[in-house]
Amino acid sequence: MDRDKKLQLRKSVKPFEKSELQISVMQIINTLVPYILLIVTGFIVYEISPWLSILCGTVGAFFLIRSFIIFHDCCHGSFFKDKKANKILGNISGFLTLFPYEKWRREHITHHATSGNLDKKGTGDIWMMTIEEYREATPMQRFIYRAYRHPFVMFVLGPIYLLFISNRMNAKGAKAKERNNTYIHNIAVIVVYGLLIYLLGPGRFFSVMAPVLFVGGLLGIWLFYIQHTFEDSYFEDETQWDYVKAAVEGSSYYRLPKLFQWLTGNIGFHHVHHLSPRIPNYLLEQAHNETPPLHHATTIGIRESLKSLKYKLYDEENKGFITFSEFNRRFAK
């Protein structure tokens, strides 16, 4: 894709970089309200059966994902036109999803600015080694990396680590504004959650909130993983890296059934989002449909996405992911 075509592509999606107040308000109503109602209902029906509470929590996990997408848009300043409104709602939705606003906003903006850049990876993304990095790693480093990329660690232990450890800590060198925001966020979580456990009892509380947070966290990590981990995903070193190519060729179009597309806030149109983060989630599909060059982005369905679990290392020479088995066959000697 030459320079003129890349400029034209970015220009083509520019009209969709607009928030629409009525749609944003409606999304708050059909997302945050059902999410809170499902949690409250789960607490109430615990007297009838804890299994009903678990069911409410599991369904609530999908609305947690939608709530996170609202939070995500606020971090990009795309949900409302007003910066202050984005910040207020971002902190509220961040509390509901257990993500401190300032910390995650900075990390995620860094992710957008460096996605696909092999020389700047490591902030706001999933740990990925190239073949050469893996070859040069010590046995212990290889063991840790293999454990990290194991599905059980990434999708079962991962949500627990992300929500209750990683999100609680400030990054080294974080500015005072970010650090204070994380402290306030953590205090609010401890006070509110502690009060609910005290008033409701641990059994009632965790029968609802455990499936909400665990299932929601698992789905969130999976969506982030599949959006950048597919066989021929784009990665280049700093000298060759290009923002537009990283967006269109390094982010997938995760084609989901309409219900799941709605529940995941259209984040499957990830190539559109990376091309223009200022497009609110409810306009991503329209931007994709009305921009023909975006139709050539890598399209992945649910069945195809499961195959991505085998991809572990990036082959810089052949521009694609390989499995550990392929690495062992290639470098057995």
C-alpha atoms as a PDB file:
ATOM      1  CA  MET A   1       0.000   0.000   0.000  1.00  0.00           C
ATOM      2  CA  ASP A   2       1.648   3.236  -1.141  1.00  0.00           C
ATOM      3  CA  ARG A   3       1.634   6.516   0.783  1.00  0.00           C
ATOM      4  CA  ASP A   4      -1.267   8.075  -1.149  1.00  0.00           C
ATOM      5  CA  LYS A   5      -3.502   5.053  -0.596  1.00  0.00           C
ATOM      6  CA  LYS A   6      -2.718   5.047   3.120  1.00  0.00           C
ATOM      7  CA  LEU A   7      -3.569   8.732   3.389  1.00  0.00           C
ATOM      8  CA  GLN A   8      -6.785   8.159   1.462  1.00  0.00           C
ATOM      9  CA  LEU A   9      -7.720   5.259   3.721  1.00  0.00           C
ATOM     10  CA  ARG A  10      -7.308   7.340   6.860  1.00  0.00           C
ATOM     11  CA  LYS A  11      -9.264  10.135   5.214  1.00  0.00           C
ATOM     12  CA  SER A  12     -12.071   7.695   4.309  1.00  0.00           C
ATOM     13  CA  VAL A  13     -12.756   6.783   7.935  1.00  0.00           C
ATOM     14  CA  LYS A  14     -12.490  10.343   9.222  1.00  0.00           C
ATOM     15  CA  PRO A  15     -16.278  11.031   8.930  1.00  0.00           C
ATOM     16  CA  PHE A  16     -16.949   8.249  11.459  1.00  0.00           C
ATOM     17  CA  GLU A  17     -14.814   9.892  14.139  1.00  0.00           C
ATOM     18  CA  LYS A  18     -17.812  11.439  15.824  1.00  0.00           C
ATOM     19  CA  SER A  19     -19.722  10.574  18.954  1.00  0.00           C
ATOM     20  CA  GLU A  20     -23.504  10.809  18.878  1.00  0.00           C
ATOM     21  CA  LEU A  21     -24.908  11.749  22.268  1.00  0.00           C
ATOM     22  CA  GLN A  22     -28.237   9.971  21.824  1.00  0.00           C
ATOM     23  CA  ILE A  23     -26.568   6.679  20.881  1.00  0.00           C
ATOM     24  CA  SER A  24     -24.001   6.990  23.672  1.00  0.00           C
ATOM     25  CA  VAL A  25     -26.721   7.583  26.273  1.00  0.00           C
ATOM     26  CA  MET A  26     -28.746   4.667  24.901  1.00  0.00           C
ATOM     27  CA  GLN A  27     -25.677   2.439  25.161  1.00  0.00           C
ATOM     28  CA  ILE A  28     -25.249   3.402  28.801  1.00  0.00           C
ATOM     29  CA  ILE A  29     -28.885   2.471  29.421  1.00  0.00           C
ATOM     30  CA  ASN A  30     -28.744  -0.868  27.596  1.00  0.00           C
ATOM     31  CA  THR A  31     -25.363  -1.833  29.065  1.00  0.00           C
ATOM     32  CA  LEU A  32     -24.660  -0.477  32.546  1.00  0.00           C
ATOM     33  CA  VAL A  33     -28.278  -0.736  33.715  1.00  0.00           C
ATOM     34  CA  PRO A  34     -28.717  -4.448  32.764  1.00  0.00           C
ATOM     35  CA  TYR A  35     -25.275  -5.193  34.204  1.00  0.00           C
ATOM     36  CA  ILE A  36     -26.167  -3.744  37.594  1.00  0.00           C
ATOM     37  CA  LEU A  37     -29.654  -5.302  37.511  1.00  0.00           C
ATOM     38  CA  LEU A  38     -28.206  -8.764  36.820  1.00  0.00           C
ATOM     39  CA  ILE A  39     -25.855  -8.433  39.772  1.00  0.00           C
ATOM     40  CA  VAL A  40     -28.627  -7.243  42.107  1.00  0.00           C
ATOM     41  CA  THR A  41     -30.954 -10.001  40.872  1.00  0.00           C
ATOM     42  CA  GLY A  42     -28.207 -12.550  41.454  1.00  0.00           C
ATOM     43  CA  PHE A  43     -27.875 -11.410  45.063  1.00  0.00           C
ATOM     44  CA  ILE A  44     -31.656 -11.645  45.577  1.00  0.00           C
ATOM     45  CA  VAL A  45     -32.211 -15.096  44.017  1.00  0.00           C
ATOM     46  CA  TYR A  46     -29.417 -16.610  46.123  1.00  0.00           C
ATOM     47  CA  GLU A  47     -32.112 -17.426  48.699  1.00  0.00           C
ATOM     48  CA  ILE A  48     -33.889 -19.545  46.087  1.00  0.00           C
ATOM     49  CA  SER A  49     -30.799 -21.239  44.649  1.00  0.00           C
ATOM     50  CA  PRO A  50     -27.096 -20.330  44.464  1.00  0.00           C
ATOM     51  CA  TRP A  51     -27.153 -21.763  40.934  1.00  0.00           C
ATOM     52  CA  LEU A  52     -29.507 -18.990  39.865  1.00  0.00           C
ATOM     53  CA  SER A  53     -27.014 -16.501  41.266  1.00  0.00           C
ATOM     54  CA  ILE A  54     -24.213 -18.141  39.279  1.00  0.00           C
ATOM     55  CA  LEU A  55     -26.385 -17.971  36.156  1.00  0.00           C
ATOM     56  CA  CYS A  56     -27.021 -14.259  36.688  1.00  0.00           C
ATOM     57  CA  GLY A  57     -23.313 -13.724  37.174  1.00  0.00           C
ATOM     58  CA  THR A  58     -22.430 -15.634  34.008  1.00  0.00           C
ATOM     59  CA  VAL A  59     -24.884 -13.632  31.891  1.00  0.00           C
ATOM     60  CA  GLY A  60     -23.675 -10.489  33.629  1.00  0.00           C
ATOM     61  CA  ALA A  61     -20.131 -11.261  32.409  1.00  0.00           C
ATOM     62  CA  PHE A  62     -21.179 -10.431  28.847  1.00  0.00           C
ATOM     63  CA  PHE A  63     -22.520  -7.073  29.999  1.00  0.00           C
ATOM     64  CA  LEU A  64     -19.233  -6.587  31.837  1.00  0.00           C
ATOM     65  CA  ILE A  65     -17.553  -6.868  28.416  1.00  0.00           C
ATOM     66  CA  ARG A  66     -19.919  -4.233  26.984  1.00  0.00           C
ATOM     67  CA  SER A  67     -19.236  -2.035  30.019  1.00  0.00           C
ATOM     68  CA  PHE A  68     -15.523  -2.420  29.381  1.00  0.00           C
ATOM     69  CA  ILE A  69     -16.007  -1.300  25.763  1.00  0.00           C
ATOM     70  CA  ILE A  70     -17.654   1.891  27.045  1.00  0.00           C
ATOM     71  CA  PHE A  71     -14.696   2.353  29.393  1.00  0.00           C
ATOM     72  CA  HIS A  72     -12.362   1.660  26.465  1.00  0.00           C
ATOM     73  CA  ASP A  73     -14.043   4.309  24.292  1.00  0.00           C
ATOM     74  CA  CYS A  74     -13.866   6.843  27.123  1.00  0.00           C
ATOM     75  CA  CYS A  75     -10.109   6.208  27.363  1.00  0.00           C
ATOM     76  CA  HIS A  76      -9.836   7.080  23.659  1.00  0.00           C
ATOM     77  CA  GLY A  77     -12.047  10.143  24.103  1.00  0.00           C
ATOM     78  CA  SER A  78     -14.502   8.768  21.547  1.00  0.00           C
ATOM     79  CA  PHE A  79     -17.615   8.050  23.616  1.00  0.00           C
ATOM     80  CA  PHE A  80     -18.534  11.691  24.250  1.00  0.00           C
ATOM     81  CA  LYS A  81     -17.421  14.895  22.576  1.00  0.00           C
ATOM     82  CA  ASP A  82     -16.681  16.423  25.965  1.00  0.00           C
ATOM     83  CA  LYS A  83     -13.333  15.410  27.467  1.00  0.00           C
ATOM     84  CA  LYS A  84     -14.562  15.785  31.047  1.00  0.00           C
ATOM     85  CA  ALA A  85     -17.605  13.586  30.379  1.00  0.00           C
ATOM     86  CA  ASN A  86     -15.333  10.863  28.998  1.00  0.00           C
ATOM     87  CA  LYS A  87     -13.157  11.081  32.089  1.00  0.00           C
ATOM     88  CA  ILE A  88     -16.086  10.885  34.524  1.00  0.00           C
ATOM     89  CA  LEU A  89     -17.776   7.961  32.791  1.00  0.00           C
ATOM     90  CA  GLY A  90     -14.367   6.344  32.235  1.00  0.00           C
ATOM     91  CA  ASN A  91     -13.707   6.316  35.969  1.00  0.00           C
ATOM     92  CA  ILE A  92     -17.219   5.010  36.754  1.00  0.00           C
ATOM     93  CA  SER A  93     -17.097   2.233  34.162  1.00  0.00           C
ATOM     94  CA  GLY A  94     -13.481   1.557  35.156  1.00  0.00           C
ATOM     95  CA  PHE A  95     -14.639   0.972  38.732  1.00  0.00           C
ATOM     96  CA  LEU A  96     -17.365  -1.407  37.534  1.00  0.00           C
ATOM     97  CA  THR A  97     -14.882  -3.381  35.436  1.00  0.00           C
ATOM     98  CA  LEU A  98     -11.938  -3.098  37.897  1.00  0.00           C
ATOM     99  CA  PHE A  99      -9.711  -1.091  35.547  1.00  0.00           C
ATOM    100  CA  PRO A 100      -8.122   2.132  36.872  1.00  0.00           C
ATOM    101  CA  TYR A 101      -8.772   4.819  34.269  1.00  0.00           C
ATOM    102  CA  GLU A 102      -5.512   6.776  34.032  1.00  0.00           C
ATOM    103  CA  LYS A 103      -3.221   3.756  34.228  1.00  0.00           C
ATOM    104  CA  TRP A 104      -5.038   1.731  31.571  1.00  0.00           C
ATOM    105  CA  ARG A 105      -5.567   4.750  29.335  1.00  0.00           C
ATOM    106  CA  ARG A 106      -1.830   5.431  29.148  1.00  0.00           C
ATOM    107  CA  GLU A 107      -0.938   1.768  28.581  1.00  0.00           C
ATOM    108  CA  HIS A 108      -3.577   1.329  25.909  1.00  0.00           C
ATOM    109  CA  ILE A 109      -2.613   4.466  24.010  1.00  0.00           C
ATOM    110  CA  THR A 110       0.955   3.145  24.044  1.00  0.00           C
ATOM    111  CA  HIS A 111      -0.329  -0.147  22.673  1.00  0.00           C
ATOM    112  CA  HIS A 112      -1.951   1.669  19.756  1.00  0.00           C
ATOM    113  CA  ALA A 113       1.193   3.670  19.057  1.00  0.00           C
ATOM    114  CA  THR A 114       3.429   0.578  19.048  1.00  0.00           C
ATOM    115  CA  SER A 115       1.212  -2.322  17.921  1.00  0.00           C
ATOM    116  CA  GLY A 116       3.167  -4.502  15.499  1.00  0.00           C
ATOM    117  CA  ASN A 117       6.458  -2.710  16.248  1.00  0.00           C
ATOM    118  CA  LEU A 118       8.966  -5.387  17.263  1.00  0.00           C
ATOM    119  CA  ASP A 119      11.321  -2.841  18.812  1.00  0.00           C
ATOM    120  CA  LYS A 120       8.668  -1.275  21.055  1.00  0.00           C
ATOM    121  CA  LYS A 121       6.519  -4.191  22.167  1.00  0.00           C
ATOM    122  CA  GLY A 122       5.853  -4.856  25.825  1.00  0.00           C
ATOM    123  CA  THR A 123       3.410  -2.176  26.980  1.00  0.00           C
ATOM    124  CA  GLY A 124      -0.317  -2.890  26.927  1.00  0.00           C
ATOM    125  CA  ASP A 125       0.032  -6.039  24.826  1.00  0.00           C
ATOM    126  CA  ILE A 126       0.409  -9.795  25.188  1.00  0.00           C
ATOM    127  CA  TRP A 127       3.954 -11.044  25.670  1.00  0.00           C
ATOM    128  CA  MET A 128       5.235 -12.359  22.352  1.00  0.00           C
ATOM    129  CA  MET A 129       8.732 -13.613  21.513  1.00  0.00           C
ATOM    130  CA  THR A 130      10.275 -13.819  18.075  1.00  0.00           C
ATOM    131  CA  ILE A 131      12.189 -16.929  17.031  1.00  0.00           C
ATOM    132  CA  GLU A 132      15.507 -15.183  17.570  1.00  0.00           C
ATOM    133  CA  GLU A 133      14.511 -13.923  21.020  1.00  0.00           C
ATOM    134  CA  TYR A 134      13.456 -17.436  22.002  1.00  0.00           C
ATOM    135  CA  ARG A 135      16.663 -18.966  20.648  1.00  0.00           C
ATOM    136  CA  GLU A 136      18.724 -16.524  22.706  1.00  0.00           C
ATOM    137  CA  ALA A 137      16.633 -16.983  25.870  1.00  0.00           C
ATOM    138  CA  THR A 138      17.912 -18.961  28.851  1.00  0.00           C
ATOM    139  CA  PRO A 139      16.196 -22.262  29.761  1.00  0.00           C
ATOM    140  CA  MET A 140      14.387 -20.494  32.608  1.00  0.00           C
ATOM    141  CA  GLN A 141      13.203 -17.677  30.335  1.00  0.00           C
ATOM    142  CA  ARG A 142      11.919 -20.255  27.847  1.00  0.00           C
ATOM    143  CA  PHE A 143      10.098 -22.117  30.599  1.00  0.00           C
ATOM    144  CA  ILE A 144       8.421 -18.946  31.853  1.00  0.00           C
ATOM    145  CA  TYR A 145       7.428 -17.941  28.322  1.00  0.00           C
ATOM    146  CA  ARG A 146       6.007 -21.388  27.512  1.00  0.00           C
ATOM    147  CA  ALA A 147       4.034 -21.313  30.764  1.00  0.00           C
ATOM    148  CA  TYR A 148       2.757 -17.796  30.004  1.00  0.00           C
ATOM    149  CA  ARG A 149       1.531 -18.848  26.534  1.00  0.00           C
ATOM    150  CA  HIS A 150      -0.233 -21.957  27.862  1.00  0.00           C
ATOM    151  CA  PRO A 151      -4.040 -21.553  27.552  1.00  0.00           C
ATOM    152  CA  PHE A 152      -4.610 -22.436  31.215  1.00  0.00           C
ATOM    153  CA  VAL A 153      -2.221 -19.734  32.407  1.00  0.00           C
ATOM    154  CA  MET A 154      -3.370 -17.120  29.895  1.00  0.00           C
ATOM    155  CA  PHE A 155      -7.137 -17.617  30.096  1.00  0.00           C
ATOM    156  CA  VAL A 156      -7.729 -19.133  33.559  1.00  0.00           C
ATOM    157  CA  LEU A 157      -5.017 -17.624  35.753  1.00  0.00           C
ATOM    158  CA  GLY A 158      -4.723 -14.566  33.501  1.00  0.00           C
ATOM    159  CA  PRO A 159      -8.038 -12.904  34.479  1.00  0.00           C
ATOM    160  CA  ILE A 160      -7.229 -13.338  38.181  1.00  0.00           C
ATOM    161  CA  TYR A 161      -3.759 -11.843  37.767  1.00  0.00           C
ATOM    162  CA  LEU A 162      -4.981  -8.986  35.571  1.00  0.00           C
ATOM    163  CA  LEU A 163      -7.915  -7.888  37.715  1.00  0.00           C
ATOM    164  CA  PHE A 164      -6.498  -8.408  41.201  1.00  0.00           C
ATOM    165  CA  ILE A 165      -2.744  -7.920  40.827  1.00  0.00           C
ATOM    166  CA  SER A 166      -1.694  -6.116  37.653  1.00  0.00           C
ATOM    167  CA  ASN A 167      -4.522  -3.562  37.733  1.00  0.00           C
ATOM    168  CA  ARG A 168      -3.817  -2.769  41.386  1.00  0.00           C
ATOM    169  CA  MET A 169      -0.214  -1.662  40.820  1.00  0.00           C
ATOM    170  CA  ASN A 170       1.174   1.492  39.272  1.00  0.00           C
ATOM    171  CA  ALA A 171       3.808   1.261  36.590  1.00  0.00           C
ATOM    172  CA  LYS A 172       7.332   2.211  37.555  1.00  0.00           C
ATOM    173  CA  GLY A 173       7.811   5.892  36.801  1.00  0.00           C
ATOM    174  CA  ALA A 174       4.078   6.633  36.531  1.00  0.00           C
ATOM    175  CA  LYS A 175       3.184  10.285  37.024  1.00  0.00           C
ATOM    176  CA  ALA A 176       1.470  11.485  40.203  1.00  0.00           C
ATOM    177  CA  LYS A 177      -1.898  11.941  38.448  1.00  0.00           C
ATOM    178  CA  GLU A 178      -1.907   8.329  37.307  1.00  0.00           C
ATOM    179  CA  ARG A 179      -0.647   6.966  40.623  1.00  0.00           C
ATOM    180  CA  ASN A 180      -3.268   8.870  42.634  1.00  0.00           C
ATOM    181  CA  ASN A 181      -6.031   7.729  40.293  1.00  0.00           C
ATOM    182  CA  THR A 182      -5.003   4.101  40.852  1.00  0.00           C
ATOM    183  CA  TYR A 183      -4.886   4.608  44.627  1.00  0.00           C
ATOM    184  CA  ILE A 184      -8.377   6.129  44.690  1.00  0.00           C
ATOM    185  CA  HIS A 185      -9.674   3.377  42.405  1.00  0.00           C
ATOM    186  CA  ASN A 186      -8.210   0.666  44.666  1.00  0.00           C
ATOM    187  CA  ILE A 187      -9.612   2.242  47.827  1.00  0.00           C
ATOM    188  CA  ALA A 188     -13.069   2.497  46.230  1.00  0.00           C
ATOM    189  CA  VAL A 189     -12.956  -1.183  45.203  1.00  0.00           C
ATOM    190  CA  ILE A 190     -11.836  -2.318  48.667  1.00  0.00           C
ATOM    191  CA  VAL A 191     -14.477  -0.238  50.470  1.00  0.00           C
ATOM    192  CA  VAL A 192     -17.438  -1.123  48.209  1.00  0.00           C
ATOM    193  CA  TYR A 193     -16.560  -4.792  47.777  1.00  0.00           C
ATOM    194  CA  GLY A 194     -15.702  -5.147  51.459  1.00  0.00           C
ATOM    195  CA  LEU A 195     -19.019  -3.575  52.460  1.00  0.00           C
ATOM    196  CA  LEU A 196     -20.966  -5.865  50.112  1.00  0.00           C
ATOM    197  CA  ILE A 197     -19.227  -8.956  51.468  1.00  0.00           C
ATOM    198  CA  TYR A 198     -19.978  -7.823  55.024  1.00  0.00           C
ATOM    199  CA  LEU A 199     -23.656  -7.092  54.326  1.00  0.00           C
ATOM    200  CA  LEU A 200     -24.424 -10.004  51.985  1.00  0.00           C
ATOM    201  CA  GLY A 201     -22.059 -12.656  53.222  1.00  0.00           C
ATOM    202  CA  PRO A 202     -19.196 -14.228  51.244  1.00  0.00           C
ATOM    203  CA  GLY A 203     -21.341 -17.013  49.735  1.00  0.00           C
ATOM    204  CA  ARG A 204     -23.960 -14.697  48.256  1.00  0.00           C
ATOM    205  CA  PHE A 205     -21.359 -12.175  47.065  1.00  0.00           C
ATOM    206  CA  PHE A 206     -18.997 -14.596  45.354  1.00  0.00           C
ATOM    207  CA  SER A 207     -21.738 -16.705  43.776  1.00  0.00           C
ATOM    208  CA  VAL A 208     -22.510 -13.664  41.614  1.00  0.00           C
ATOM    209  CA  MET A 209     -19.263 -11.731  41.361  1.00  0.00           C
ATOM    210  CA  ALA A 210     -16.918 -14.683  40.841  1.00  0.00           C
ATOM    211  CA  PRO A 211     -18.516 -15.723  37.514  1.00  0.00           C
ATOM    212  CA  VAL A 212     -18.989 -12.080  36.484  1.00  0.00           C
ATOM    213  CA  LEU A 213     -15.318 -11.244  36.888  1.00  0.00           C
ATOM    214  CA  PHE A 214     -13.808 -14.580  35.895  1.00  0.00           C
ATOM    215  CA  VAL A 215     -15.898 -15.223  32.766  1.00  0.00           C
ATOM    216  CA  GLY A 216     -15.743 -11.544  31.806  1.00  0.00           C
ATOM    217  CA  GLY A 217     -11.975 -11.470  32.291  1.00  0.00           C
ATOM    218  CA  LEU A 218     -11.484 -14.680  30.317  1.00  0.00           C
ATOM    219  CA  LEU A 219     -13.552 -13.385  27.401  1.00  0.00           C
ATOM    220  CA  GLY A 220     -11.775 -10.039  27.489  1.00  0.00           C
ATOM    221  CA  ILE A 221      -8.321 -11.606  27.311  1.00  0.00           C
ATOM    222  CA  TRP A 222      -9.472 -13.933  24.539  1.00  0.00           C
ATOM    223  CA  LEU A 223     -10.788 -11.050  22.434  1.00  0.00           C
ATOM    224  CA  PHE A 224      -7.561  -9.103  22.868  1.00  0.00           C
ATOM    225  CA  TYR A 225      -5.513 -12.208  22.057  1.00  0.00           C
ATOM    226  CA  ILE A 226      -7.309 -13.167  18.833  1.00  0.00           C
ATOM    227  CA  GLN A 227      -7.299  -9.595  17.542  1.00  0.00           C
ATOM    228  CA  HIS A 228      -3.515  -9.630  17.175  1.00  0.00           C
ATOM    229  CA  THR A 229      -2.553 -13.312  17.140  1.00  0.00           C
ATOM    230  CA  PHE A 230      -3.256 -14.918  13.796  1.00  0.00           C
ATOM    231  CA  GLU A 231      -0.952 -16.707  11.398  1.00  0.00           C
ATOM    232  CA  ASP A 232       0.128 -13.836   9.134  1.00  0.00           C
ATOM    233  CA  SER A 233      -0.266 -10.925  11.560  1.00  0.00           C
ATOM    234  CA  TYR A 234       1.826  -7.831  10.856  1.00  0.00           C
ATOM    235  CA  PHE A 235       5.042  -7.238  12.798  1.00  0.00           C
ATOM    236  CA  GLU A 236       8.052  -5.199  11.695  1.00  0.00           C
ATOM    237  CA  ASP A 237      11.093  -3.613  13.272  1.00  0.00           C
ATOM    238  CA  GLU A 238      11.193   0.131  13.896  1.00  0.00           C
ATOM    239  CA  THR A 239      12.744   1.025  10.535  1.00  0.00           C
ATOM    240  CA  GLN A 240      10.032  -0.783   8.531  1.00  0.00           C
ATOM    241  CA  TRP A 241       7.032  -0.309  10.827  1.00  0.00           C
ATOM    242  CA  ASP A 242       4.020   1.540   9.426  1.00  0.00           C
ATOM    243  CA  TYR A 243       0.988   2.666  11.451  1.00  0.00           C
ATOM    244  CA  VAL A 244      -1.644   2.021   8.761  1.00  0.00           C
ATOM    245  CA  LYS A 245      -0.270  -1.405   7.834  1.00  0.00           C
ATOM    246  CA  ALA A 246      -0.062  -2.327  11.515  1.00  0.00           C
ATOM    247  CA  ALA A 247      -3.738  -1.390  11.921  1.00  0.00           C
ATOM    248  CA  VAL A 248      -5.137  -3.101   8.836  1.00  0.00           C
ATOM    249  CA  GLU A 249      -2.773  -6.072   8.567  1.00  0.00           C
ATOM    250  CA  GLY A 250      -1.920  -6.513  12.237  1.00  0.00           C
ATOM    251  CA  SER A 251      -5.468  -6.450  13.627  1.00  0.00           C
ATOM    252  CA  SER A 252      -8.131  -8.967  12.719  1.00  0.00           C
ATOM    253  CA  TYR A 253     -11.785  -8.614  11.779  1.00  0.00           C
ATOM    254  CA  TYR A 254     -13.266 -11.119  14.230  1.00  0.00           C
ATOM    255  CA  ARG A 255     -16.567 -12.011  12.606  1.00  0.00           C
ATOM    256  CA  LEU A 256     -19.063 -12.990  15.290  1.00  0.00           C
ATOM    257  CA  PRO A 257     -22.781 -13.852  15.291  1.00  0.00           C
ATOM    258  CA  LYS A 258     -24.837 -10.675  15.674  1.00  0.00           C
ATOM    259  CA  LEU A 259     -25.737 -11.311  19.324  1.00  0.00           C
ATOM    260  CA  PHE A 260     -22.103 -11.782  20.330  1.00  0.00           C
ATOM    261  CA  GLN A 261     -21.063  -8.845  18.161  1.00  0.00           C
ATOM    262  CA  TRP A 262     -23.492  -6.704  20.150  1.00  0.00           C
ATOM    263  CA  LEU A 263     -22.423  -8.141  23.516  1.00  0.00           C
ATOM    264  CA  THR A 264     -18.760  -7.468  22.699  1.00  0.00           C
ATOM    265  CA  GLY A 265     -19.417  -3.906  21.581  1.00  0.00           C
ATOM    266  CA  ASN A 266     -18.328  -4.395  17.954  1.00  0.00           C
ATOM    267  CA  ILE A 267     -14.716  -4.812  19.066  1.00  0.00           C
ATOM    268  CA  GLY A 268     -14.380  -7.551  16.447  1.00  0.00           C
ATOM    269  CA  PHE A 269     -13.918  -4.722  13.938  1.00  0.00           C
ATOM    270  CA  HIS A 270     -10.517  -4.272  15.492  1.00  0.00           C
ATOM    271  CA  HIS A 271      -8.774  -3.318  12.263  1.00  0.00           C
ATOM    272  CA  VAL A 272     -11.087  -0.295  12.008  1.00  0.00           C
ATOM    273  CA  HIS A 273     -10.494   0.617  15.644  1.00  0.00           C
ATOM    274  CA  HIS A 274      -6.715   0.511  15.266  1.00  0.00           C
ATOM    275  CA  LEU A 275      -6.860   2.559  12.102  1.00  0.00           C
ATOM    276  CA  SER A 276      -8.905   5.229  13.869  1.00  0.00           C
ATOM    277  CA  PRO A 277      -9.273   4.939  17.686  1.00  0.00           C
ATOM    278  CA  ARG A 278     -11.541   8.013  17.729  1.00  0.00           C
ATOM    279  CA  ILE A 279     -14.393   6.084  16.087  1.00  0.00           C
ATOM    280  CA  PRO A 280     -16.894   5.086  18.813  1.00  0.00           C
ATOM    281  CA  ASN A 281     -17.702   1.388  19.033  1.00  0.00           C
ATOM    282  CA  TYR A 282     -21.211   1.842  17.619  1.00  0.00           C
ATOM    283  CA  LEU A 283     -19.861   3.222  14.320  1.00  0.00           C
ATOM    284  CA  LEU A 284     -17.116   0.651  13.717  1.00  0.00           C
ATOM    285  CA  GLU A 285     -19.307  -1.676  11.657  1.00  0.00           C
ATOM    286  CA  GLN A 286     -20.578   1.144   9.457  1.00  0.00           C
ATOM    287  CA  ALA A 287     -17.023   2.401   8.918  1.00  0.00           C
ATOM    288  CA  HIS A 288     -15.981  -1.098   7.868  1.00  0.00           C
ATOM    289  CA  ASN A 289     -18.930  -1.619   5.527  1.00  0.00           C
ATOM    290  CA  GLU A 290     -18.548   1.734   3.800  1.00  0.00           C
ATOM    291  CA  THR A 291     -14.759   1.564   3.353  1.00  0.00           C
ATOM    292  CA  PRO A 292     -13.967  -1.089   0.685  1.00  0.00           C
ATOM    293  CA  PRO A 293     -10.181  -1.315   1.346  1.00  0.00           C
ATOM    294  CA  LEU A 294     -10.973  -2.481   4.889  1.00  0.00           C
ATOM    295  CA  HIS A 295     -12.800  -5.504   3.492  1.00  0.00           C
ATOM    296  CA  HIS A 296      -9.388  -7.031   2.757  1.00  0.00           C
ATOM    297  CA  ALA A 297      -8.428  -7.226   6.431  1.00  0.00           C
ATOM    298  CA  THR A 298      -7.842 -10.719   7.817  1.00  0.00           C
ATOM    299  CA  THR A 299     -11.273 -12.125   8.673  1.00  0.00           C
ATOM    300  CA  ILE A 300     -11.511 -14.770  11.383  1.00  0.00           C
ATOM    301  CA  GLY A 301     -14.569 -16.720  12.482  1.00  0.00           C
ATOM    302  CA  ILE A 302     -15.032 -18.520  15.799  1.00  0.00           C
ATOM    303  CA  ARG A 303     -13.842 -21.872  14.439  1.00  0.00           C
ATOM    304  CA  GLU A 304     -10.747 -20.368  12.811  1.00  0.00           C
ATOM    305  CA  SER A 305      -9.955 -18.344  15.921  1.00  0.00           C
ATOM    306  CA  LEU A 306      -9.493 -21.487  18.015  1.00  0.00           C
ATOM    307  CA  LYS A 307      -6.553 -22.459  15.800  1.00  0.00           C
ATOM    308  CA  SER A 308      -4.706 -19.360  16.951  1.00  0.00           C
ATOM    309  CA  LEU A 309      -4.033 -21.010  20.313  1.00  0.00           C
ATOM    310  CA  LYS A 310      -1.195 -22.967  18.714  1.00  0.00           C
ATOM    311  CA  TYR A 311       0.706 -19.850  17.583  1.00  0.00           C
ATOM    312  CA  LYS A 312       3.537 -19.119  20.011  1.00  0.00           C
ATOM    313  CA  LEU A 313       6.532 -17.502  18.283  1.00  0.00           C
ATOM    314  CA  TYR A 314       6.837 -14.929  15.532  1.00  0.00           C
ATOM    315  CA  ASP A 315       9.001 -15.730  12.524  1.00  0.00           C
ATOM    316  CA  GLU A 316      10.448 -12.417  11.324  1.00  0.00           C
ATOM    317  CA  GLU A 317      11.904 -13.945   8.180  1.00  0.00           C
ATOM    318  CA  ASN A 318       8.673 -15.559   6.925  1.00  0.00           C
ATOM    319  CA  LYS A 319       6.324 -12.981   8.477  1.00  0.00           C
ATOM    320  CA  GLY A 320       4.073 -15.261  10.470  1.00  0.00           C
ATOM    321  CA  PHE A 321       3.532 -17.160  13.706  1.00  0.00           C
ATOM    322  CA  ILE A 322       4.777 -20.687  14.272  1.00  0.00           C
ATOM    323  CA  THR A 323       4.146 -23.310  16.944  1.00  0.00           C
ATOM    324  CA  PHE A 324       6.625 -24.612  19.489  1.00  0.00           C
ATOM    325  CA  SER A 325       6.594 -27.921  17.606  1.00  0.00           C
ATOM    326  CA  GLU A 326       7.622 -26.166  14.397  1.00  0.00           C
ATOM    327  CA  PHE A 327      10.413 -24.406  16.258  1.00  0.00           C
ATOM    328  CA  ASN A 328      11.665 -27.702  17.692  1.00  0.00           C
ATOM    329  CA  ARG A 329      11.655 -29.360  14.258  1.00  0.00           C
ATOM    330  CA  ARG A 330      13.460 -26.461  12.657  1.00  0.00           C
ATOM    331  CA  PHE A 331      16.119 -26.038  15.326  1.00  0.00           C
ATOM    332  CA  ALA A 332      16.362 -29.581  16.680  1.00  0.00           C
ATOM    333  CA  LYS A 333      20.110 -29.701  16.203  1.00  0.00           C
END
